[in-house]
Amino acid sequence: MGECARVLKPGGGLVLSDLYARKGGDAHTLLGRLDSREGLEGRLRQAGLEPVLFEDHTPALTSLWAGAVLSGRDCGLPDILRSPDWPRGVKPGYSLCISRKTGV
């Protein structure tokens, strides 16, 4: 986040579209670090980026994944989510987040 803020001009925008922890808070998972919405927005603010939009697009990712599975291209995600190593209570989602660099 810091590097993104460093290279952006003031008022410049950053678009993030990624997995996030929809329920259960920030976590380190088999998929990597999953920030909650609050955690992500806090990290953006710390870097000098002000969140202006956050949208949950979990249904779109679910539909894409289901289509892949039904056509025989299993991505292994259900196995990861059922793993005993998956953090208890953490439910992944898919988000779109737009932020702007603050300052002059």
PDB file of N, CA and C in Angstrom:
ATOM      1  N   MET A   1       0.825  -1.192   0.000  1.00  0.00           N
ATOM      2  CA  MET A   1       0.000   0.000   0.000  1.00  0.00           C
ATOM      3  C   MET A   1       0.867   1.253   0.000  1.00  0.00           C
ATOM      4  N   GLY A   2       1.933   1.197   0.783  1.00  0.00           N
ATOM      5  CA  GLY A   2       2.828   2.341   0.856  1.00  0.00           C
ATOM      6  C   GLY A   2       3.462   2.667  -0.485  1.00  0.00           C
ATOM      7  N   GLU A   3       3.874   1.634  -1.202  1.00  0.00           N
ATOM      8  CA  GLU A   3       4.490   1.851  -2.511  1.00  0.00           C
ATOM      9  C   GLU A   3       3.474   2.406  -3.499  1.00  0.00           C
ATOM     10  N   CYS A   4       2.242   1.929  -3.435  1.00  0.00           N
ATOM     11  CA  CYS A   4       1.190   2.463  -4.317  1.00  0.00           C
ATOM     12  C   CYS A   4       0.976   3.944  -4.021  1.00  0.00           C
ATOM     13  N   ALA A   5       0.896   4.285  -2.740  1.00  0.00           N
ATOM     14  CA  ALA A   5       0.701   5.692  -2.360  1.00  0.00           C
ATOM     15  C   ALA A   5       1.887   6.539  -2.792  1.00  0.00           C
ATOM     16  N   ARG A   6       3.084   5.982  -2.707  1.00  0.00           N
ATOM     17  CA  ARG A   6       4.282   6.740  -3.062  1.00  0.00           C
ATOM     18  C   ARG A   6       4.276   7.139  -4.538  1.00  0.00           C
ATOM     19  N   VAL A   7       3.865   6.250  -5.419  1.00  0.00           N
ATOM     20  CA  VAL A   7       3.949   6.533  -6.854  1.00  0.00           C
ATOM     21  C   VAL A   7       2.727   7.276  -7.405  1.00  0.00           C
ATOM     22  N   LEU A   8       1.659   7.354  -6.627  1.00  0.00           N
ATOM     23  CA  LEU A   8       0.470   8.083  -7.087  1.00  0.00           C
ATOM     24  C   LEU A   8       0.625   9.580  -6.860  1.00  0.00           C
ATOM     25  N   LYS A   9       0.108  10.370  -7.790  1.00  0.00           N
ATOM     26  CA  LYS A   9       0.022  11.812  -7.592  1.00  0.00           C
ATOM     27  C   LYS A   9      -1.118  12.082  -6.619  1.00  0.00           C
ATOM     28  N   PRO A  10      -1.084  13.204  -5.890  1.00  0.00           N
ATOM     29  CA  PRO A  10      -2.221  13.557  -5.033  1.00  0.00           C
ATOM     30  C   PRO A  10      -3.515  13.563  -5.850  1.00  0.00           C
ATOM     31  N   GLY A  11      -4.523  12.921  -5.325  1.00  0.00           N
ATOM     32  CA  GLY A  11      -5.797  12.788  -6.027  1.00  0.00           C
ATOM     33  C   GLY A  11      -5.858  11.573  -6.925  1.00  0.00           C
ATOM     34  N   GLY A  12      -4.703  10.908  -7.126  1.00  0.00           N
ATOM     35  CA  GLY A  12      -4.663   9.708  -7.962  1.00  0.00           C
ATOM     36  C   GLY A  12      -5.420   8.565  -7.312  1.00  0.00           C
ATOM     37  N   GLY A  13      -5.913   7.656  -8.127  1.00  0.00           N
ATOM     38  CA  GLY A  13      -6.746   6.566  -7.631  1.00  0.00           C
ATOM     39  C   GLY A  13      -6.059   5.215  -7.646  1.00  0.00           C
ATOM     40  N   LEU A  14      -6.456   4.382  -6.708  1.00  0.00           N
ATOM     41  CA  LEU A  14      -6.004   2.996  -6.628  1.00  0.00           C
ATOM     42  C   LEU A  14      -7.234   2.109  -6.607  1.00  0.00           C
ATOM     43  N   VAL A  15      -7.274   1.130  -7.508  1.00  0.00           N
ATOM     44  CA  VAL A  15      -8.375   0.178  -7.562  1.00  0.00           C
ATOM     45  C   VAL A  15      -7.844  -1.186  -7.132  1.00  0.00           C
ATOM     46  N   LEU A  16      -8.473  -1.762  -6.120  1.00  0.00           N
ATOM     47  CA  LEU A  16      -8.118  -3.095  -5.644  1.00  0.00           C
ATOM     48  C   LEU A  16      -9.322  -4.009  -5.824  1.00  0.00           C
ATOM     49  N   SER A  17      -9.088  -5.181  -6.349  1.00  0.00           N
ATOM     50  CA  SER A  17     -10.128  -6.194  -6.462  1.00  0.00           C
ATOM     51  C   SER A  17      -9.492  -7.501  -6.023  1.00  0.00           C
ATOM     52  N   ASP A  18      -9.943  -8.021  -4.869  1.00  0.00           N
ATOM     53  CA  ASP A  18      -9.255  -9.168  -4.287  1.00  0.00           C
ATOM     54  C   ASP A  18     -10.156  -9.858  -3.272  1.00  0.00           C
ATOM     55  N   LEU A  19      -9.672 -11.004  -2.813  1.00  0.00           N
ATOM     56  CA  LEU A  19     -10.338 -11.694  -1.720  1.00  0.00           C
ATOM     57  C   LEU A  19     -10.171 -10.887  -0.444  1.00  0.00           C
ATOM     58  N   TYR A  20     -11.157 -10.976   0.442  1.00  0.00           N
ATOM     59  CA  TYR A  20     -11.068 -10.326   1.747  1.00  0.00           C
ATOM     60  C   TYR A  20     -11.805 -11.186   2.764  1.00  0.00           C
ATOM     61  N   ALA A  21     -11.601 -10.893   4.037  1.00  0.00           N
ATOM     62  CA  ALA A  21     -12.276 -11.634   5.106  1.00  0.00           C
ATOM     63  C   ALA A  21     -13.649 -10.995   5.325  1.00  0.00           C
ATOM     64  N   ARG A  22     -14.659 -11.581   4.717  1.00  0.00           N
ATOM     65  CA  ARG A  22     -16.024 -11.051   4.796  1.00  0.00           C
ATOM     66  C   ARG A  22     -16.570 -11.189   6.215  1.00  0.00           C
ATOM     67  N   LYS A  23     -16.199 -12.277   6.892  1.00  0.00           N
ATOM     68  CA  LYS A  23     -16.581 -12.518   8.294  1.00  0.00           C
ATOM     69  C   LYS A  23     -15.373 -13.093   9.016  1.00  0.00           C
ATOM     70  N   GLY A  24     -15.243 -12.750  10.269  1.00  0.00           N
ATOM     71  CA  GLY A  24     -14.191 -13.341  11.087  1.00  0.00           C
ATOM     72  C   GLY A  24     -12.970 -12.474  11.290  1.00  0.00           C
ATOM     73  N   GLY A  25     -12.877 -11.325  10.650  1.00  0.00           N
ATOM     74  CA  GLY A  25     -11.749 -10.421  10.869  1.00  0.00           C
ATOM     75  C   GLY A  25     -10.510 -10.787  10.076  1.00  0.00           C
ATOM     76  N   ASP A  26      -9.483  -9.941  10.212  1.00  0.00           N
ATOM     77  CA  ASP A  26      -8.216 -10.143   9.508  1.00  0.00           C
ATOM     78  C   ASP A  26      -7.645 -11.510   9.856  1.00  0.00           C
ATOM     79  N   ALA A  27      -7.044 -12.180   8.875  1.00  0.00           N
ATOM     80  CA  ALA A  27      -6.508 -13.524   9.130  1.00  0.00           C
ATOM     81  C   ALA A  27      -5.410 -13.866   8.140  1.00  0.00           C
ATOM     82  N   HIS A  28      -4.503 -14.720   8.589  1.00  0.00           N
ATOM     83  CA  HIS A  28      -3.520 -15.340   7.695  1.00  0.00           C
ATOM     84  C   HIS A  28      -4.076 -16.717   7.369  1.00  0.00           C
ATOM     85  N   THR A  29      -4.277 -16.988   6.085  1.00  0.00           N
ATOM     86  CA  THR A  29      -4.935 -18.213   5.657  1.00  0.00           C
ATOM     87  C   THR A  29      -4.074 -18.965   4.651  1.00  0.00           C
ATOM     88  N   LEU A  30      -4.567 -20.106   4.223  1.00  0.00           N
ATOM     89  CA  LEU A  30      -3.897 -20.877   3.183  1.00  0.00           C
ATOM     90  C   LEU A  30      -3.870 -20.129   1.853  1.00  0.00           C
ATOM     91  N   LEU A  31      -4.739 -19.132   1.706  1.00  0.00           N
ATOM     92  CA  LEU A  31      -4.773 -18.305   0.498  1.00  0.00           C
ATOM     93  C   LEU A  31      -3.899 -17.065   0.645  1.00  0.00           C
ATOM     94  N   GLY A  32      -3.301 -16.876   1.809  1.00  0.00           N
ATOM     95  CA  GLY A  32      -2.508 -15.686   2.093  1.00  0.00           C
ATOM     96  C   GLY A  32      -3.230 -14.803   3.089  1.00  0.00           C
ATOM     97  N   ARG A  33      -2.793 -13.567   3.180  1.00  0.00           N
ATOM     98  CA  ARG A  33      -3.389 -12.622   4.119  1.00  0.00           C
ATOM     99  C   ARG A  33      -4.762 -12.190   3.614  1.00  0.00           C
ATOM    100  N   LEU A  34      -5.759 -12.280   4.486  1.00  0.00           N
ATOM    101  CA  LEU A  34      -7.090 -11.765   4.167  1.00  0.00           C
ATOM    102  C   LEU A  34      -7.413 -10.674   5.179  1.00  0.00           C
ATOM    103  N   ASP A  35      -7.549  -9.452   4.694  1.00  0.00           N
ATOM    104  CA  ASP A  35      -7.966  -8.346   5.546  1.00  0.00           C
ATOM    105  C   ASP A  35      -9.483  -8.270   5.560  1.00  0.00           C
ATOM    106  N   SER A  36     -10.037  -7.854   6.681  1.00  0.00           N
ATOM    107  CA  SER A  36     -11.456  -7.502   6.724  1.00  0.00           C
ATOM    108  C   SER A  36     -11.613  -6.157   6.009  1.00  0.00           C
ATOM    109  N   ARG A  37     -12.844  -5.750   5.777  1.00  0.00           N
ATOM    110  CA  ARG A  37     -13.061  -4.433   5.160  1.00  0.00           C
ATOM    111  C   ARG A  37     -12.417  -3.357   6.027  1.00  0.00           C
ATOM    112  N   GLU A  38     -12.639  -3.444   7.329  1.00  0.00           N
ATOM    113  CA  GLU A  38     -12.093  -2.455   8.251  1.00  0.00           C
ATOM    114  C   GLU A  38     -10.561  -2.479   8.240  1.00  0.00           C
ATOM    115  N   GLY A  39      -9.991  -3.694   8.212  1.00  0.00           N
ATOM    116  CA  GLY A  39      -8.537  -3.820   8.180  1.00  0.00           C
ATOM    117  C   GLY A  39      -7.943  -3.244   6.903  1.00  0.00           C
ATOM    118  N   LEU A  40      -8.581  -3.532   5.772  1.00  0.00           N
ATOM    119  CA  LEU A  40      -8.103  -3.019   4.490  1.00  0.00           C
ATOM    120  C   LEU A  40      -8.182  -1.497   4.454  1.00  0.00           C
ATOM    121  N   GLU A  41      -9.323  -0.958   4.862  1.00  0.00           N
ATOM    122  CA  GLU A  41      -9.484   0.498   4.843  1.00  0.00           C
ATOM    123  C   GLU A  41      -8.500   1.172   5.803  1.00  0.00           C
ATOM    124  N   GLY A  42      -8.219   0.539   6.934  1.00  0.00           N
ATOM    125  CA  GLY A  42      -7.235   1.074   7.871  1.00  0.00           C
ATOM    126  C   GLY A  42      -5.837   1.089   7.278  1.00  0.00           C
ATOM    127  N   ARG A  43      -5.461   0.018   6.588  1.00  0.00           N
ATOM    128  CA  ARG A  43      -4.140  -0.046   5.940  1.00  0.00           C
ATOM    129  C   ARG A  43      -4.024   0.999   4.839  1.00  0.00           C
ATOM    130  N   LEU A  44      -5.118   1.211   4.091  1.00  0.00           N
ATOM    131  CA  LEU A  44      -5.107   2.234   3.054  1.00  0.00           C
ATOM    132  C   LEU A  44      -4.905   3.621   3.668  1.00  0.00           C
ATOM    133  N   ARG A  45      -5.642   3.925   4.724  1.00  0.00           N
ATOM    134  CA  ARG A  45      -5.523   5.242   5.379  1.00  0.00           C
ATOM    135  C   ARG A  45      -4.119   5.447   5.937  1.00  0.00           C
ATOM    136  N   GLN A  46      -3.566   4.401   6.520  1.00  0.00           N
ATOM    137  CA  GLN A  46      -2.205   4.484   7.060  1.00  0.00           C
ATOM    138  C   GLN A  46      -1.196   4.848   5.975  1.00  0.00           C
ATOM    139  N   ALA A  47      -1.450   4.391   4.766  1.00  0.00           N
ATOM    140  CA  ALA A  47      -0.548   4.660   3.645  1.00  0.00           C
ATOM    141  C   ALA A  47      -0.829   6.008   2.972  1.00  0.00           C
ATOM    142  N   GLY A  48      -1.860   6.744   3.443  1.00  0.00           N
ATOM    143  CA  GLY A  48      -2.191   8.030   2.830  1.00  0.00           C
ATOM    144  C   GLY A  48      -3.191   7.927   1.701  1.00  0.00           C
ATOM    145  N   LEU A  49      -3.975   6.853   1.698  1.00  0.00           N
ATOM    146  CA  LEU A  49      -5.002   6.640   0.675  1.00  0.00           C
ATOM    147  C   LEU A  49      -6.372   6.642   1.353  1.00  0.00           C
ATOM    148  N   GLU A  50      -7.293   7.410   0.833  1.00  0.00           N
ATOM    149  CA  GLU A  50      -8.627   7.498   1.429  1.00  0.00           C
ATOM    150  C   GLU A  50      -9.615   6.622   0.651  1.00  0.00           C
ATOM    151  N   PRO A  51     -10.187   5.592   1.302  1.00  0.00           N
ATOM    152  CA  PRO A  51     -11.180   4.753   0.617  1.00  0.00           C
ATOM    153  C   PRO A  51     -12.404   5.586   0.217  1.00  0.00           C
ATOM    154  N   VAL A  52     -12.831   5.442  -1.027  1.00  0.00           N
ATOM    155  CA  VAL A  52     -14.018   6.164  -1.501  1.00  0.00           C
ATOM    156  C   VAL A  52     -15.137   5.214  -1.913  1.00  0.00           C
ATOM    157  N   LEU A  53     -14.814   3.938  -2.131  1.00  0.00           N
ATOM    158  CA  LEU A  53     -15.836   2.961  -2.517  1.00  0.00           C
ATOM    159  C   LEU A  53     -15.391   1.574  -2.073  1.00  0.00           C
ATOM    160  N   PHE A  54     -16.315   0.831  -1.505  1.00  0.00           N
ATOM    161  CA  PHE A  54     -16.065  -0.581  -1.186  1.00  0.00           C
ATOM    162  C   PHE A  54     -17.330  -1.341  -1.560  1.00  0.00           C
ATOM    163  N   GLU A  55     -17.182  -2.336  -2.419  1.00  0.00           N
ATOM    164  CA  GLU A  55     -18.323  -3.158  -2.832  1.00  0.00           C
ATOM    165  C   GLU A  55     -17.977  -4.628  -2.664  1.00  0.00           C
ATOM    166  N   ASP A  56     -18.928  -5.383  -2.150  1.00  0.00           N
ATOM    167  CA  ASP A  56     -18.763  -6.828  -2.041  1.00  0.00           C
ATOM    168  C   ASP A  56     -19.262  -7.462  -3.338  1.00  0.00           C
ATOM    169  N   HIS A  57     -18.398  -8.234  -3.991  1.00  0.00           N
ATOM    170  CA  HIS A  57     -18.758  -8.915  -5.237  1.00  0.00           C
ATOM    171  C   HIS A  57     -18.627 -10.429  -5.081  1.00  0.00           C
ATOM    172  N   THR A  58     -18.867 -10.910  -3.867  1.00  0.00           N
ATOM    173  CA  THR A  58     -18.781 -12.339  -3.599  1.00  0.00           C
ATOM    174  C   THR A  58     -19.717 -13.148  -4.499  1.00  0.00           C
ATOM    175  N   PRO A  59     -20.965 -12.702  -4.734  1.00  0.00           N
ATOM    176  CA  PRO A  59     -21.839 -13.499  -5.619  1.00  0.00           C
ATOM    177  C   PRO A  59     -21.251 -13.690  -7.024  1.00  0.00           C
ATOM    178  N   ALA A  60     -20.569 -12.683  -7.555  1.00  0.00           N
ATOM    179  CA  ALA A  60     -19.973 -12.816  -8.898  1.00  0.00           C
ATOM    180  C   ALA A  60     -18.864 -13.863  -8.892  1.00  0.00           C
ATOM    181  N   LEU A  61     -18.021 -13.855  -7.858  1.00  0.00           N
ATOM    182  CA  LEU A  61     -16.957 -14.848  -7.772  1.00  0.00           C
ATOM    183  C   LEU A  61     -17.530 -16.240  -7.552  1.00  0.00           C
ATOM    184  N   THR A  62     -18.567 -16.334  -6.741  1.00  0.00           N
ATOM    185  CA  THR A  62     -19.225 -17.621  -6.495  1.00  0.00           C
ATOM    186  C   THR A  62     -19.783 -18.191  -7.794  1.00  0.00           C
ATOM    187  N   SER A  63     -20.416 -17.346  -8.595  1.00  0.00           N
ATOM    188  CA  SER A  63     -20.975 -17.776  -9.873  1.00  0.00           C
ATOM    189  C   SER A  63     -19.873 -18.229 -10.825  1.00  0.00           C
ATOM    190  N   LEU A  64     -18.781 -17.486 -10.875  1.00  0.00           N
ATOM    191  CA  LEU A  64     -17.656 -17.852 -11.729  1.00  0.00           C
ATOM    192  C   LEU A  64     -17.068 -19.196 -11.308  1.00  0.00           C
ATOM    193  N   TRP A  65     -16.873 -19.351 -10.003  1.00  0.00           N
ATOM    194  CA  TRP A  65     -16.310 -20.599  -9.480  1.00  0.00           C
ATOM    195  C   TRP A  65     -17.257 -21.774  -9.773  1.00  0.00           C
ATOM    196  N   ALA A  66     -18.551 -21.584  -9.517  1.00  0.00           N
ATOM    197  CA  ALA A  66     -19.515 -22.659  -9.763  1.00  0.00           C
ATOM    198  C   ALA A  66     -19.520 -23.058 -11.235  1.00  0.00           C
ATOM    199  N   GLY A  67     -19.450 -22.077 -12.126  1.00  0.00           N
ATOM    200  CA  GLY A  67     -19.397 -22.379 -13.550  1.00  0.00           C
ATOM    201  C   GLY A  67     -18.169 -23.194 -13.913  1.00  0.00           C
ATOM    202  N   ALA A  68     -17.033 -22.863 -13.306  1.00  0.00           N
ATOM    203  CA  ALA A  68     -15.802 -23.616 -13.563  1.00  0.00           C
ATOM    204  C   ALA A  68     -15.937 -25.055 -13.077  1.00  0.00           C
ATOM    205  N   VAL A  69     -16.486 -25.229 -11.882  1.00  0.00           N
ATOM    206  CA  VAL A  69     -16.647 -26.572 -11.319  1.00  0.00           C
ATOM    207  C   VAL A  69     -17.606 -27.394 -12.175  1.00  0.00           C
ATOM    208  N   LEU A  70     -18.725 -26.787 -12.583  1.00  0.00           N
ATOM    209  CA  LEU A  70     -19.724 -27.511 -13.367  1.00  0.00           C
ATOM    210  C   LEU A  70     -19.212 -27.886 -14.754  1.00  0.00           C
ATOM    211  N   SER A  71     -18.213 -27.160 -15.251  1.00  0.00           N
ATOM    212  CA  SER A  71     -17.654 -27.509 -16.554  1.00  0.00           C
ATOM    213  C   SER A  71     -16.384 -28.360 -16.424  1.00  0.00           C
ATOM    214  N   GLY A  72     -16.129 -28.859 -15.195  1.00  0.00           N
ATOM    215  CA  GLY A  72     -15.031 -29.792 -14.986  1.00  0.00           C
ATOM    216  C   GLY A  72     -13.689 -29.175 -14.673  1.00  0.00           C
ATOM    217  N   ARG A  73     -13.653 -27.897 -14.370  1.00  0.00           N
ATOM    218  CA  ARG A  73     -12.381 -27.229 -14.036  1.00  0.00           C
ATOM    219  C   ARG A  73     -12.360 -26.880 -12.551  1.00  0.00           C
ATOM    220  N   ASP A  74     -12.216 -27.877 -11.704  1.00  0.00           N
ATOM    221  CA  ASP A  74     -12.233 -27.655 -10.258  1.00  0.00           C
ATOM    222  C   ASP A  74     -11.003 -26.870  -9.833  1.00  0.00           C
ATOM    223  N   CYS A  75     -11.208 -25.809  -9.059  1.00  0.00           N
ATOM    224  CA  CYS A  75     -10.088 -24.965  -8.614  1.00  0.00           C
ATOM    225  C   CYS A  75      -9.570 -25.369  -7.244  1.00  0.00           C
ATOM    226  N   GLY A  76     -10.202 -26.315  -6.575  1.00  0.00           N
ATOM    227  CA  GLY A  76      -9.731 -26.784  -5.279  1.00  0.00           C
ATOM    228  C   GLY A  76     -10.125 -25.902  -4.108  1.00  0.00           C
ATOM    229  N   LEU A  77     -10.859 -24.817  -4.337  1.00  0.00           N
ATOM    230  CA  LEU A  77     -11.215 -23.912  -3.258  1.00  0.00           C
ATOM    231  C   LEU A  77     -12.013 -24.582  -2.144  1.00  0.00           C
ATOM    232  N   PRO A  78     -13.006 -25.426  -2.444  1.00  0.00           N
ATOM    233  CA  PRO A  78     -13.735 -26.061  -1.339  1.00  0.00           C
ATOM    234  C   PRO A  78     -12.822 -26.856  -0.416  1.00  0.00           C
ATOM    235  N   ASP A  79     -11.821 -27.538  -0.983  1.00  0.00           N
ATOM    236  CA  ASP A  79     -10.892 -28.297  -0.154  1.00  0.00           C
ATOM    237  C   ASP A  79     -10.094 -27.373   0.763  1.00  0.00           C
ATOM    238  N   ILE A  80      -9.689 -26.221   0.267  1.00  0.00           N
ATOM    239  CA  ILE A  80      -8.944 -25.251   1.077  1.00  0.00           C
ATOM    240  C   ILE A  80      -9.813 -24.747   2.220  1.00  0.00           C
ATOM    241  N   LEU A  81     -11.079 -24.420   1.923  1.00  0.00           N
ATOM    242  CA  LEU A  81     -11.965 -23.872   2.944  1.00  0.00           C
ATOM    243  C   LEU A  81     -12.352 -24.906   3.997  1.00  0.00           C
ATOM    244  N   ARG A  82     -12.285 -26.200   3.643  1.00  0.00           N
ATOM    245  CA  ARG A  82     -12.605 -27.263   4.609  1.00  0.00           C
ATOM    246  C   ARG A  82     -11.372 -27.764   5.352  1.00  0.00           C
ATOM    247  N   SER A  83     -10.206 -27.271   4.996  1.00  0.00           N
ATOM    248  CA  SER A  83      -8.963 -27.730   5.615  1.00  0.00           C
ATOM    249  C   SER A  83      -8.958 -27.413   7.110  1.00  0.00           C
ATOM    250  N   PRO A  84      -8.411 -28.310   7.934  1.00  0.00           N
ATOM    251  CA  PRO A  84      -8.303 -28.008   9.365  1.00  0.00           C
ATOM    252  C   PRO A  84      -7.378 -26.819   9.633  1.00  0.00           C
ATOM    253  N   ASP A  85      -6.560 -26.444   8.653  1.00  0.00           N
ATOM    254  CA  ASP A  85      -5.664 -25.293   8.808  1.00  0.00           C
ATOM    255  C   ASP A  85      -6.340 -23.960   8.498  1.00  0.00           C
ATOM    256  N   TRP A  86      -7.591 -24.001   7.995  1.00  0.00           N
ATOM    257  CA  TRP A  86      -8.305 -22.759   7.700  1.00  0.00           C
ATOM    258  C   TRP A  86      -8.729 -22.116   9.022  1.00  0.00           C
ATOM    259  N   PRO A  87      -8.494 -20.807   9.213  1.00  0.00           N
ATOM    260  CA  PRO A  87      -8.856 -20.148  10.469  1.00  0.00           C
ATOM    261  C   PRO A  87     -10.358 -20.242  10.751  1.00  0.00           C
ATOM    262  N   ARG A  88     -10.668 -20.652  11.934  1.00  0.00           N
ATOM    263  CA  ARG A  88     -12.065 -20.841  12.341  1.00  0.00           C
ATOM    264  C   ARG A  88     -12.838 -19.521  12.277  1.00  0.00           C
ATOM    265  N   GLY A  89     -14.009 -19.564  11.671  1.00  0.00           N
ATOM    266  CA  GLY A  89     -14.890 -18.401  11.597  1.00  0.00           C
ATOM    267  C   GLY A  89     -14.587 -17.425  10.478  1.00  0.00           C
ATOM    268  N   VAL A  90     -13.503 -17.616   9.747  1.00  0.00           N
ATOM    269  CA  VAL A  90     -13.162 -16.690   8.662  1.00  0.00           C
ATOM    270  C   VAL A  90     -13.887 -17.116   7.391  1.00  0.00           C
ATOM    271  N   LYS A  91     -14.687 -16.210   6.852  1.00  0.00           N
ATOM    272  CA  LYS A  91     -15.424 -16.459   5.614  1.00  0.00           C
ATOM    273  C   LYS A  91     -14.897 -15.515   4.542  1.00  0.00           C
ATOM    274  N   PRO A  92     -14.309 -16.062   3.482  1.00  0.00           N
ATOM    275  CA  PRO A  92     -13.772 -15.182   2.440  1.00  0.00           C
ATOM    276  C   PRO A  92     -14.873 -14.589   1.572  1.00  0.00           C
ATOM    277  N   GLY A  93     -14.581 -13.439   1.053  1.00  0.00           N
ATOM    278  CA  GLY A  93     -15.451 -12.772   0.095  1.00  0.00           C
ATOM    279  C   GLY A  93     -14.576 -12.160  -0.983  1.00  0.00           C
ATOM    280  N   TYR A  94     -15.206 -11.498  -1.941  1.00  0.00           N
ATOM    281  CA  TYR A  94     -14.474 -10.857  -3.030  1.00  0.00           C
ATOM    282  C   TYR A  94     -14.935  -9.409  -3.098  1.00  0.00           C
ATOM    283  N   SER A  95     -13.984  -8.489  -3.126  1.00  0.00           N
ATOM    284  CA  SER A  95     -14.356  -7.079  -3.059  1.00  0.00           C
ATOM    285  C   SER A  95     -13.718  -6.234  -4.155  1.00  0.00           C
ATOM    286  N   LEU A  96     -14.324  -5.084  -4.353  1.00  0.00           N
ATOM    287  CA  LEU A  96     -13.790  -4.023  -5.179  1.00  0.00           C
ATOM    288  C   LEU A  96     -13.641  -2.827  -4.245  1.00  0.00           C
ATOM    289  N   CYS A  97     -12.445  -2.257  -4.180  1.00  0.00           N
ATOM    290  CA  CYS A  97     -12.195  -1.110  -3.312  1.00  0.00           C
ATOM    291  C   CYS A  97     -11.449  -0.067  -4.120  1.00  0.00           C
ATOM    292  N   ILE A  98     -11.961   1.153  -4.086  1.00  0.00           N
ATOM    293  CA  ILE A  98     -11.327   2.281  -4.766  1.00  0.00           C
ATOM    294  C   ILE A  98     -10.924   3.300  -3.714  1.00  0.00           C
ATOM    295  N   SER A  99      -9.695   3.788  -3.819  1.00  0.00           N
ATOM    296  CA  SER A  99      -9.230   4.816  -2.892  1.00  0.00           C
ATOM    297  C   SER A  99      -8.484   5.889  -3.667  1.00  0.00           C
ATOM    298  N   ARG A 100      -8.331   7.045  -3.030  1.00  0.00           N
ATOM    299  CA  ARG A 100      -7.625   8.182  -3.637  1.00  0.00           C
ATOM    300  C   ARG A 100      -6.493   8.611  -2.723  1.00  0.00           C
ATOM    301  N   LYS A 101      -5.396   9.046  -3.343  1.00  0.00           N
ATOM    302  CA  LYS A 101      -4.272   9.559  -2.564  1.00  0.00           C
ATOM    303  C   LYS A 101      -4.648  10.928  -2.001  1.00  0.00           C
ATOM    304  N   THR A 102      -4.437  11.100  -0.707  1.00  0.00           N
ATOM    305  CA  THR A 102      -4.731  12.369  -0.053  1.00  0.00           C
ATOM    306  C   THR A 102      -3.506  13.282  -0.138  1.00  0.00           C
ATOM    307  N   GLY A 103      -3.639  14.499   0.294  1.00  0.00           N
ATOM    308  CA  GLY A 103      -2.513  15.427   0.335  1.00  0.00           C
ATOM    309  C   GLY A 103      -2.431  16.324  -0.879  1.00  0.00           C
ATOM    310  N   VAL A 104      -1.401  17.129  -0.886  1.00  0.00           N
ATOM    311  CA  VAL A 104      -1.213  18.119  -1.957  1.00  0.00           C
ATOM    312  C   VAL A 104      -0.083  17.702  -2.861  1.00  0.00           C
TER     313      VAL A 104
END
